[in-house]
Amino acid sequence: MLIKVKVKPDADEVAVERKSDDKFKVKARAEPKRGEANKAVQSVLASYLDLNKNQIRLVKGGKQ
């Protein structure tokens, strides 16, 4: 399954909002440095989707 995720790093809270079947908005507390936010997003999505972290693969990173 391929999903699109909009990430808000360095957020005040950790949250997942489902926008549609394949679009999500994820808020993570981690800063967008050294892959910290990517790891946090992977963990948050795994928990939300009831999957193991190694079942989630980030295909493309965002642009600032």
PDB file of N, CA and C in Angstrom:
ATOM      1  N   MET A   1       0.849  -1.162   0.000  1.00  0.00           N
ATOM      2  CA  MET A   1       0.000   0.000   0.000  1.00  0.00           C
ATOM      3  C   MET A   1       0.904   1.237   0.000  1.00  0.00           C
ATOM      4  N   LEU A   2       0.574   2.194  -0.822  1.00  0.00           N
ATOM      5  CA  LEU A   2       1.310   3.449  -0.881  1.00  0.00           C
ATOM      6  C   LEU A   2       0.397   4.552  -0.369  1.00  0.00           C
ATOM      7  N   ILE A   3       0.885   5.298   0.610  1.00  0.00           N
ATOM      8  CA  ILE A   3       0.103   6.412   1.160  1.00  0.00           C
ATOM      9  C   ILE A   3       0.924   7.691   1.074  1.00  0.00           C
ATOM     10  N   LYS A   4       0.228   8.814   1.090  1.00  0.00           N
ATOM     11  CA  LYS A   4       0.882  10.123   1.087  1.00  0.00           C
ATOM     12  C   LYS A   4       0.732  10.716   2.474  1.00  0.00           C
ATOM     13  N   VAL A   5       1.836  11.234   2.985  1.00  0.00           N
ATOM     14  CA  VAL A   5       1.843  11.756   4.350  1.00  0.00           C
ATOM     15  C   VAL A   5       2.414  13.165   4.354  1.00  0.00           C
ATOM     16  N   LYS A   6       1.694  14.083   4.940  1.00  0.00           N
ATOM     17  CA  LYS A   6       2.207  15.431   5.174  1.00  0.00           C
ATOM     18  C   LYS A   6       2.653  15.458   6.632  1.00  0.00           C
ATOM     19  N   VAL A   7       3.893  15.882   6.855  1.00  0.00           N
ATOM     20  CA  VAL A   7       4.482  15.825   8.191  1.00  0.00           C
ATOM     21  C   VAL A   7       4.693  17.226   8.748  1.00  0.00           C
ATOM     22  N   LYS A   8       4.327  17.393  10.006  1.00  0.00           N
ATOM     23  CA  LYS A   8       4.630  18.622  10.734  1.00  0.00           C
ATOM     24  C   LYS A   8       5.610  18.246  11.839  1.00  0.00           C
ATOM     25  N   PRO A   9       6.920  18.432  11.579  1.00  0.00           N
ATOM     26  CA  PRO A   9       7.913  18.119  12.605  1.00  0.00           C
ATOM     27  C   PRO A   9       7.951  19.189  13.676  1.00  0.00           C
ATOM     28  N   ASP A  10       8.575  18.881  14.792  1.00  0.00           N
ATOM     29  CA  ASP A  10       8.751  19.825  15.897  1.00  0.00           C
ATOM     30  C   ASP A  10       7.400  20.365  16.385  1.00  0.00           C
ATOM     31  N   ALA A  11       6.392  19.487  16.395  1.00  0.00           N
ATOM     32  CA  ALA A  11       5.040  19.870  16.817  1.00  0.00           C
ATOM     33  C   ALA A  11       4.904  19.774  18.332  1.00  0.00           C
ATOM     34  N   ASP A  12       3.883  20.392  18.864  1.00  0.00           N
ATOM     35  CA  ASP A  12       3.621  20.357  20.303  1.00  0.00           C
ATOM     36  C   ASP A  12       3.037  19.020  20.744  1.00  0.00           C
ATOM     37  N   GLU A  13       2.439  18.293  19.799  1.00  0.00           N
ATOM     38  CA  GLU A  13       1.796  17.023  20.132  1.00  0.00           C
ATOM     39  C   GLU A  13       2.118  15.986  19.059  1.00  0.00           C
ATOM     40  N   VAL A  14       1.857  14.735  19.377  1.00  0.00           N
ATOM     41  CA  VAL A  14       1.985  13.654  18.414  1.00  0.00           C
ATOM     42  C   VAL A  14       0.570  13.258  18.013  1.00  0.00           C
ATOM     43  N   ALA A  15       0.302  13.303  16.702  1.00  0.00           N
ATOM     44  CA  ALA A  15      -1.049  13.005  16.239  1.00  0.00           C
ATOM     45  C   ALA A  15      -1.024  12.527  14.796  1.00  0.00           C
ATOM     46  N   VAL A  16      -2.042  11.749  14.443  1.00  0.00           N
ATOM     47  CA  VAL A  16      -2.247  11.313  13.064  1.00  0.00           C
ATOM     48  C   VAL A  16      -3.673  11.694  12.689  1.00  0.00           C
ATOM     49  N   GLU A  17      -3.805  12.352  11.558  1.00  0.00           N
ATOM     50  CA  GLU A  17      -5.121  12.724  11.054  1.00  0.00           C
ATOM     51  C   GLU A  17      -5.277  12.100   9.672  1.00  0.00           C
ATOM     52  N   ARG A  18      -6.311  11.319   9.507  1.00  0.00           N
ATOM     53  CA  ARG A  18      -6.568  10.677   8.217  1.00  0.00           C
ATOM     54  C   ARG A  18      -7.384  11.628   7.369  1.00  0.00           C
ATOM     55  N   LYS A  19      -6.818  12.055   6.240  1.00  0.00           N
ATOM     56  CA  LYS A  19      -7.490  12.991   5.341  1.00  0.00           C
ATOM     57  C   LYS A  19      -8.371  12.255   4.335  1.00  0.00           C
ATOM     58  N   SER A  20      -7.901  11.102   3.853  1.00  0.00           N
ATOM     59  CA  SER A  20      -8.653  10.248   2.935  1.00  0.00           C
ATOM     60  C   SER A  20      -8.070   8.841   3.063  1.00  0.00           C
ATOM     61  N   ASP A  21      -8.480   7.949   2.186  1.00  0.00           N
ATOM     62  CA  ASP A  21      -8.005   6.564   2.271  1.00  0.00           C
ATOM     63  C   ASP A  21      -6.485   6.450   2.174  1.00  0.00           C
ATOM     64  N   ASP A  22      -5.866   7.325   1.380  1.00  0.00           N
ATOM     65  CA  ASP A  22      -4.421   7.220   1.176  1.00  0.00           C
ATOM     66  C   ASP A  22      -3.643   8.479   1.553  1.00  0.00           C
ATOM     67  N   LYS A  23      -4.267   9.395   2.280  1.00  0.00           N
ATOM     68  CA  LYS A  23      -3.593  10.629   2.695  1.00  0.00           C
ATOM     69  C   LYS A  23      -3.722  10.841   4.195  1.00  0.00           C
ATOM     70  N   PHE A  24      -2.578  11.151   4.815  1.00  0.00           N
ATOM     71  CA  PHE A  24      -2.519  11.356   6.256  1.00  0.00           C
ATOM     72  C   PHE A  24      -1.738  12.614   6.572  1.00  0.00           C
ATOM     73  N   LYS A  25      -2.030  13.205   7.724  1.00  0.00           N
ATOM     74  CA  LYS A  25      -1.228  14.303   8.261  1.00  0.00           C
ATOM     75  C   LYS A  25      -0.695  13.811   9.600  1.00  0.00           C
ATOM     76  N   VAL A  26       0.629  13.895   9.770  1.00  0.00           N
ATOM     77  CA  VAL A  26       1.268  13.405  10.986  1.00  0.00           C
ATOM     78  C   VAL A  26       2.000  14.550  11.674  1.00  0.00           C
ATOM     79  N   LYS A  27       1.742  14.704  12.960  1.00  0.00           N
ATOM     80  CA  LYS A  27       2.473  15.666  13.781  1.00  0.00           C
ATOM     81  C   LYS A  27       3.439  14.873  14.648  1.00  0.00           C
ATOM     82  N   ALA A  28       4.697  15.310  14.637  1.00  0.00           N
ATOM     83  CA  ALA A  28       5.728  14.622  15.417  1.00  0.00           C
ATOM     84  C   ALA A  28       6.529  15.648  16.207  1.00  0.00           C
ATOM     85  N   ARG A  29       6.952  15.260  17.387  1.00  0.00           N
ATOM     86  CA  ARG A  29       7.732  16.167  18.236  1.00  0.00           C
ATOM     87  C   ARG A  29       9.186  16.291  17.789  1.00  0.00           C
ATOM     88  N   ALA A  30       9.679  15.322  17.065  1.00  0.00           N
ATOM     89  CA  ALA A  30      11.087  15.302  16.656  1.00  0.00           C
ATOM     90  C   ALA A  30      11.397  16.427  15.672  1.00  0.00           C
ATOM     91  N   GLU A  31      12.630  16.894  15.749  1.00  0.00           N
ATOM     92  CA  GLU A  31      13.096  17.930  14.838  1.00  0.00           C
ATOM     93  C   GLU A  31      13.504  17.307  13.505  1.00  0.00           C
ATOM     94  N   PRO A  32      13.391  18.077  12.432  1.00  0.00           N
ATOM     95  CA  PRO A  32      13.782  17.541  11.115  1.00  0.00           C
ATOM     96  C   PRO A  32      15.287  17.588  10.896  1.00  0.00           C
ATOM     97  N   LYS A  33      16.020  16.949  11.782  1.00  0.00           N
ATOM     98  CA  LYS A  33      17.478  16.901  11.704  1.00  0.00           C
ATOM     99  C   LYS A  33      17.944  15.456  11.832  1.00  0.00           C
ATOM    100  N   ARG A  34      18.924  15.091  11.038  1.00  0.00           N
ATOM    101  CA  ARG A  34      19.556  13.762  11.105  1.00  0.00           C
ATOM    102  C   ARG A  34      18.537  12.607  11.041  1.00  0.00           C
ATOM    103  N   GLY A  35      17.435  12.817  10.340  1.00  0.00           N
ATOM    104  CA  GLY A  35      16.453  11.759  10.181  1.00  0.00           C
ATOM    105  C   GLY A  35      15.580  11.509  11.390  1.00  0.00           C
ATOM    106  N   GLU A  36      15.672  12.365  12.399  1.00  0.00           N
ATOM    107  CA  GLU A  36      14.881  12.166  13.621  1.00  0.00           C
ATOM    108  C   GLU A  36      13.383  12.217  13.339  1.00  0.00           C
ATOM    109  N   ALA A  37      12.947  13.194  12.544  1.00  0.00           N
ATOM    110  CA  ALA A  37      11.519  13.313  12.237  1.00  0.00           C
ATOM    111  C   ALA A  37      11.037  12.111  11.424  1.00  0.00           C
ATOM    112  N   ASN A  38      11.861  11.634  10.500  1.00  0.00           N
ATOM    113  CA  ASN A  38      11.479  10.460   9.711  1.00  0.00           C
ATOM    114  C   ASN A  38      11.266   9.240  10.599  1.00  0.00           C
ATOM    115  N   LYS A  39      12.167   9.040  11.544  1.00  0.00           N
ATOM    116  CA  LYS A  39      12.028   7.906  12.466  1.00  0.00           C
ATOM    117  C   LYS A  39      10.778   8.051  13.317  1.00  0.00           C
ATOM    118  N   ALA A  40      10.494   9.270  13.753  1.00  0.00           N
ATOM    119  CA  ALA A  40       9.300   9.516  14.569  1.00  0.00           C
ATOM    120  C   ALA A  40       8.032   9.253  13.765  1.00  0.00           C
ATOM    121  N   VAL A  41       8.012   9.704  12.528  1.00  0.00           N
ATOM    122  CA  VAL A  41       6.846   9.485  11.663  1.00  0.00           C
ATOM    123  C   VAL A  41       6.637   7.994  11.429  1.00  0.00           C
ATOM    124  N   GLN A  42       7.708   7.286  11.195  1.00  0.00           N
ATOM    125  CA  GLN A  42       7.631   5.838  10.996  1.00  0.00           C
ATOM    126  C   GLN A  42       7.023   5.164  12.227  1.00  0.00           C
ATOM    127  N   SER A  43       7.451   5.566  13.390  1.00  0.00           N
ATOM    128  CA  SER A  43       6.952   4.996  14.636  1.00  0.00           C
ATOM    129  C   SER A  43       5.479   5.344  14.871  1.00  0.00           C
ATOM    130  N   VAL A  44       5.132   6.603  14.653  1.00  0.00           N
ATOM    131  CA  VAL A  44       3.750   7.052  14.872  1.00  0.00           C
ATOM    132  C   VAL A  44       2.797   6.360  13.906  1.00  0.00           C
ATOM    133  N   LEU A  45       3.183   6.281  12.644  1.00  0.00           N
ATOM    134  CA  LEU A  45       2.328   5.612  11.660  1.00  0.00           C
ATOM    135  C   LEU A  45       2.191   4.121  11.957  1.00  0.00           C
ATOM    136  N   ALA A  46       3.274   3.488  12.363  1.00  0.00           N
ATOM    137  CA  ALA A  46       3.212   2.061  12.696  1.00  0.00           C
ATOM    138  C   ALA A  46       2.226   1.828  13.826  1.00  0.00           C
ATOM    139  N   SER A  47       2.272   2.657  14.833  1.00  0.00           N
ATOM    140  CA  SER A  47       1.347   2.529  15.949  1.00  0.00           C
ATOM    141  C   SER A  47      -0.098   2.771  15.495  1.00  0.00           C
ATOM    142  N   TYR A  48      -0.314   3.812  14.712  1.00  0.00           N
ATOM    143  CA  TYR A  48      -1.659   4.163  14.245  1.00  0.00           C
ATOM    144  C   TYR A  48      -2.255   3.066  13.355  1.00  0.00           C
ATOM    145  N   LEU A  49      -1.419   2.501  12.471  1.00  0.00           N
ATOM    146  CA  LEU A  49      -1.887   1.487  11.524  1.00  0.00           C
ATOM    147  C   LEU A  49      -1.779   0.066  12.078  1.00  0.00           C
ATOM    148  N   ASP A  50      -1.328  -0.049  13.326  1.00  0.00           N
ATOM    149  CA  ASP A  50      -1.165  -1.340  13.989  1.00  0.00           C
ATOM    150  C   ASP A  50      -0.220  -2.257  13.202  1.00  0.00           C
ATOM    151  N   LEU A  51       0.938  -1.693  12.849  1.00  0.00           N
ATOM    152  CA  LEU A  51       1.971  -2.423  12.130  1.00  0.00           C
ATOM    153  C   LEU A  51       3.275  -2.350  12.911  1.00  0.00           C
ATOM    154  N   ASN A  52       4.237  -3.166  12.510  1.00  0.00           N
ATOM    155  CA  ASN A  52       5.577  -3.091  13.062  1.00  0.00           C
ATOM    156  C   ASN A  52       6.326  -1.980  12.322  1.00  0.00           C
ATOM    157  N   LYS A  53       7.250  -1.305  12.998  1.00  0.00           N
ATOM    158  CA  LYS A  53       7.986  -0.209  12.352  1.00  0.00           C
ATOM    159  C   LYS A  53       8.707  -0.650  11.082  1.00  0.00           C
ATOM    160  N   ASN A  54       9.193  -1.890  11.067  1.00  0.00           N
ATOM    161  CA  ASN A  54       9.921  -2.343   9.876  1.00  0.00           C
ATOM    162  C   ASN A  54       8.993  -2.634   8.701  1.00  0.00           C
ATOM    163  N   GLN A  55       7.687  -2.555   8.914  1.00  0.00           N
ATOM    164  CA  GLN A  55       6.728  -2.717   7.823  1.00  0.00           C
ATOM    165  C   GLN A  55       6.412  -1.388   7.137  1.00  0.00           C
ATOM    166  N   ILE A  56       6.954  -0.306   7.653  1.00  0.00           N
ATOM    167  CA  ILE A  56       6.734   1.021   7.086  1.00  0.00           C
ATOM    168  C   ILE A  56       8.040   1.488   6.459  1.00  0.00           C
ATOM    169  N   ARG A  57       7.966   1.880   5.213  1.00  0.00           N
ATOM    170  CA  ARG A  57       9.154   2.349   4.497  1.00  0.00           C
ATOM    171  C   ARG A  57       8.860   3.729   3.929  1.00  0.00           C
ATOM    172  N   LEU A  58       9.741   4.668   4.202  1.00  0.00           N
ATOM    173  CA  LEU A  58       9.606   6.001   3.652  1.00  0.00           C
ATOM    174  C   LEU A  58      10.249   6.010   2.280  1.00  0.00           C
ATOM    175  N   VAL A  59       9.462   6.367   1.273  1.00  0.00           N
ATOM    176  CA  VAL A  59       9.945   6.311  -0.098  1.00  0.00           C
ATOM    177  C   VAL A  59      10.605   7.602  -0.509  1.00  0.00           C
ATOM    178  N   LYS A  60      10.041   8.719  -0.061  1.00  0.00           N
ATOM    179  CA  LYS A  60      10.539  10.015  -0.491  1.00  0.00           C
ATOM    180  C   LYS A  60      10.393  11.002   0.648  1.00  0.00           C
ATOM    181  N   GLY A  61      11.402  11.799   0.864  1.00  0.00           N
ATOM    182  CA  GLY A  61      11.356  12.810   1.900  1.00  0.00           C
ATOM    183  C   GLY A  61      10.787  14.107   1.379  1.00  0.00           C
ATOM    184  N   GLY A  62      10.417  14.979   2.299  1.00  0.00           N
ATOM    185  CA  GLY A  62       9.848  16.255   1.920  1.00  0.00           C
ATOM    186  C   GLY A  62      10.891  17.294   1.598  1.00  0.00           C
ATOM    187  N   LYS A  63      10.416  18.406   1.139  1.00  0.00           N
ATOM    188  CA  LYS A  63      11.290  19.526   0.796  1.00  0.00           C
ATOM    189  C   LYS A  63      10.938  20.687   1.691  1.00  0.00           C
ATOM    190  N   GLN A  64      11.936  21.440   2.093  1.00  0.00           N
ATOM    191  CA  GLN A  64      11.688  22.591   2.958  1.00  0.00           C
ATOM    192  C   GLN A  64      11.540  23.843   2.132  1.00  0.00           C
TER     193      GLN A  64
END
